[in-house]
Amino acid sequence: MKIGEYVKQYRITHGLSMQDFGVICGLSRAYISILEKGINPTTNRPFTPSIDTLKRIAEATNSDLDSLLQILDNEDAVIVNVEETALSIKQLTLHAMAVRALAKLSKSPDEEKKSKLLEIVTDLLQGDYTIDQLNAISAIVKTMK
């Protein structure tokens, strides 16, 4: 699902106008309209929201950023810093997974699991990953306390 579809669906389900939803998010009605259409009217290219915008939308919809990212299409781009470097939702999700794994890694007494997880997370952060590695991270993290 695209972010614009998510916003529009939420608005309609909750009987909110673009203006009302914009007020809740701290965004203008025009911005909500652009977001829902998914096209930047100036460039006529796909619109790329910032990570801050996604956080605002998550809060406004009583969700959190992780949950919202899981709902969105993996290939949608998001601006993550002031230099406007766009990363896909998939890349953000992978980086979030790596951060959570590293947090668990630091607390685990199991040196073998720590070593394997560190190796996989290093590959993940370098962009060298496979589905098997992602599944391995999930499996290892689930067994760590």
Protein backbone atom coordinates (compact mmCIF):
# COMPACT_ATOMS: atom_id res chain seq x y z
CA MET A 1 0.00 0.00 0.00
CA LYS A 2 1.26 3.48 -0.82
CA ILE A 3 1.31 6.18 1.87
CA GLY A 4 -1.29 8.21 -0.03
CA GLU A 5 -3.67 5.25 -0.12
CA TYR A 6 -3.11 4.66 3.60
CA VAL A 7 -3.87 8.30 4.46
CA LYS A 8 -6.95 8.47 2.26
CA GLN A 9 -8.31 5.18 3.60
CA TYR A 10 -7.76 6.34 7.19
CA ARG A 11 -9.39 9.70 6.54
CA ILE A 12 -12.46 8.21 4.89
CA THR A 13 -12.86 5.50 7.51
CA HIS A 14 -12.71 8.13 10.28
CA GLY A 15 -14.80 10.76 8.48
CA LEU A 16 -11.99 13.29 8.26
CA SER A 17 -11.50 15.90 5.56
CA MET A 18 -8.01 16.57 4.20
CA GLN A 19 -8.06 19.78 6.27
CA ASP A 20 -9.00 17.91 9.47
CA PHE A 21 -6.36 15.24 8.94
CA GLY A 22 -3.78 17.91 8.11
CA VAL A 23 -4.52 19.71 11.37
CA ILE A 24 -4.08 16.46 13.32
CA CYS A 25 -0.72 15.81 11.59
CA GLY A 26 0.47 19.41 11.56
CA LEU A 27 0.46 19.40 7.74
CA SER A 28 -1.44 21.56 5.27
CA ARG A 29 -4.51 20.43 3.35
CA ALA A 30 -2.54 20.94 0.14
CA TYR A 31 0.25 18.68 1.42
CA ILE A 32 -2.26 15.95 2.29
CA SER A 33 -3.73 16.27 -1.21
CA ILE A 34 -0.29 15.89 -2.82
CA LEU A 35 0.48 12.98 -0.52
CA GLU A 36 -2.72 11.18 -1.47
CA LYS A 37 -2.19 11.74 -5.19
CA GLY A 38 1.43 10.63 -4.90
CA ILE A 39 2.61 13.13 -7.52
CA ASN A 40 4.59 16.31 -6.97
CA PRO A 41 2.64 18.91 -9.00
CA THR A 42 5.78 20.97 -9.62
CA THR A 43 7.83 18.17 -11.14
CA ASN A 44 5.04 15.76 -12.11
CA ARG A 45 7.17 13.02 -10.56
CA PRO A 46 6.35 10.64 -7.70
CA PHE A 47 6.10 12.48 -4.39
CA THR A 48 8.58 11.47 -1.68
CA PRO A 49 7.56 12.23 1.93
CA SER A 50 10.11 12.72 4.68
CA ILE A 51 10.59 10.35 7.58
CA ASP A 52 9.26 13.16 9.79
CA THR A 53 6.05 13.19 7.75
CA LEU A 54 5.68 9.43 8.17
CA LYS A 55 6.19 9.81 11.94
CA ARG A 56 3.48 12.48 12.05
CA ILE A 57 1.09 10.29 10.06
CA ALA A 58 1.83 7.29 12.28
CA GLU A 59 1.08 9.33 15.41
CA ALA A 60 -2.08 10.81 13.89
CA THR A 61 -3.36 7.33 13.01
CA ASN A 62 -2.57 5.93 16.47
CA SER A 63 0.23 3.81 15.08
CA ASP A 64 4.00 3.83 15.30
CA LEU A 65 6.58 4.28 12.59
CA ASP A 66 7.62 0.60 12.52
CA SER A 67 4.03 -0.55 12.03
CA LEU A 68 3.42 2.05 9.32
CA LEU A 69 6.59 1.06 7.44
CA GLN A 70 5.47 -2.58 7.46
CA ILE A 71 2.16 -1.62 5.82
CA LEU A 72 3.74 0.47 3.05
CA ASP A 73 5.15 -0.77 -0.26
CA ASN A 74 8.77 -1.85 0.00
CA GLU A 75 9.89 0.22 -2.96
CA ASP A 76 8.40 3.57 -1.88
CA ALA A 77 11.09 6.16 -1.24
CA VAL A 78 11.35 8.25 1.92
CA ILE A 79 13.55 11.26 2.60
CA VAL A 80 15.54 10.50 5.74
CA ASN A 81 17.76 13.57 6.19
CA VAL A 82 18.18 17.18 5.24
CA GLU A 83 20.33 16.25 2.27
CA GLU A 84 17.16 14.56 0.98
CA THR A 85 18.76 11.18 0.48
CA ALA A 86 15.89 8.89 -0.41
CA LEU A 87 15.82 5.33 0.90
CA SER A 88 13.16 2.81 0.11
CA ILE A 89 10.81 1.57 2.81
CA LYS A 90 12.51 -1.80 2.37
CA GLN A 91 15.92 -0.27 3.14
CA LEU A 92 14.57 1.55 6.19
CA THR A 93 12.96 -1.64 7.46
CA LEU A 94 16.20 -3.56 6.98
CA HIS A 95 18.19 -0.91 8.83
CA ALA A 96 15.64 -0.91 11.67
CA MET A 97 15.95 -4.70 11.82
CA ALA A 98 19.73 -4.37 12.03
CA VAL A 99 19.51 -1.83 14.85
CA ARG A 100 17.13 -4.06 16.85
CA ALA A 101 19.44 -7.02 16.27
CA LEU A 102 22.45 -5.04 17.46
CA ALA A 103 20.58 -3.98 20.59
CA LYS A 104 19.85 -7.62 21.41
CA LEU A 105 23.36 -8.57 20.41
CA SER A 106 24.88 -6.37 23.09
CA LYS A 107 22.79 -8.07 25.80
CA SER A 108 23.28 -11.70 24.81
CA PRO A 109 25.67 -13.99 26.69
CA ASP A 110 25.68 -16.50 23.80
CA GLU A 111 28.96 -15.79 22.01
CA GLU A 112 28.20 -18.11 19.07
CA LYS A 113 24.89 -16.39 18.33
CA LYS A 114 26.49 -12.99 18.83
CA SER A 115 29.22 -13.78 16.35
CA LYS A 116 26.83 -15.11 13.69
CA LEU A 117 24.40 -12.23 14.14
CA LEU A 118 27.18 -9.64 13.96
CA GLU A 119 28.40 -11.15 10.70
CA ILE A 120 24.91 -11.10 9.17
CA VAL A 121 24.12 -7.58 10.42
CA THR A 122 27.41 -6.30 8.96
CA ASP A 123 26.44 -7.71 5.56
CA LEU A 124 22.94 -6.28 5.95
CA LEU A 125 24.20 -2.77 6.66
CA GLN A 126 26.53 -2.95 3.67
CA GLY A 127 23.57 -3.84 1.48
CA ASP A 128 24.79 -7.39 0.85
CA TYR A 129 21.92 -9.55 2.04
CA THR A 130 19.75 -12.42 0.98
CA ILE A 131 16.33 -13.59 2.09
CA ASP A 132 18.06 -16.46 3.92
CA GLN A 133 20.15 -13.95 5.88
CA LEU A 134 17.07 -11.95 6.82
CA ASN A 135 15.35 -15.11 7.99
CA ALA A 136 18.50 -16.04 9.94
CA ILE A 137 18.50 -12.67 11.69
CA SER A 138 14.85 -13.08 12.65
CA ALA A 139 15.44 -16.60 13.93
CA ILE A 140 18.52 -15.65 15.96
CA VAL A 141 16.93 -12.50 17.41
CA LYS A 142 13.84 -14.47 18.47
CA THR A 143 15.99 -16.90 20.46
CA MET A 144 17.98 -14.14 22.20
CA LYS A 145 16.66 -12.66 25.42
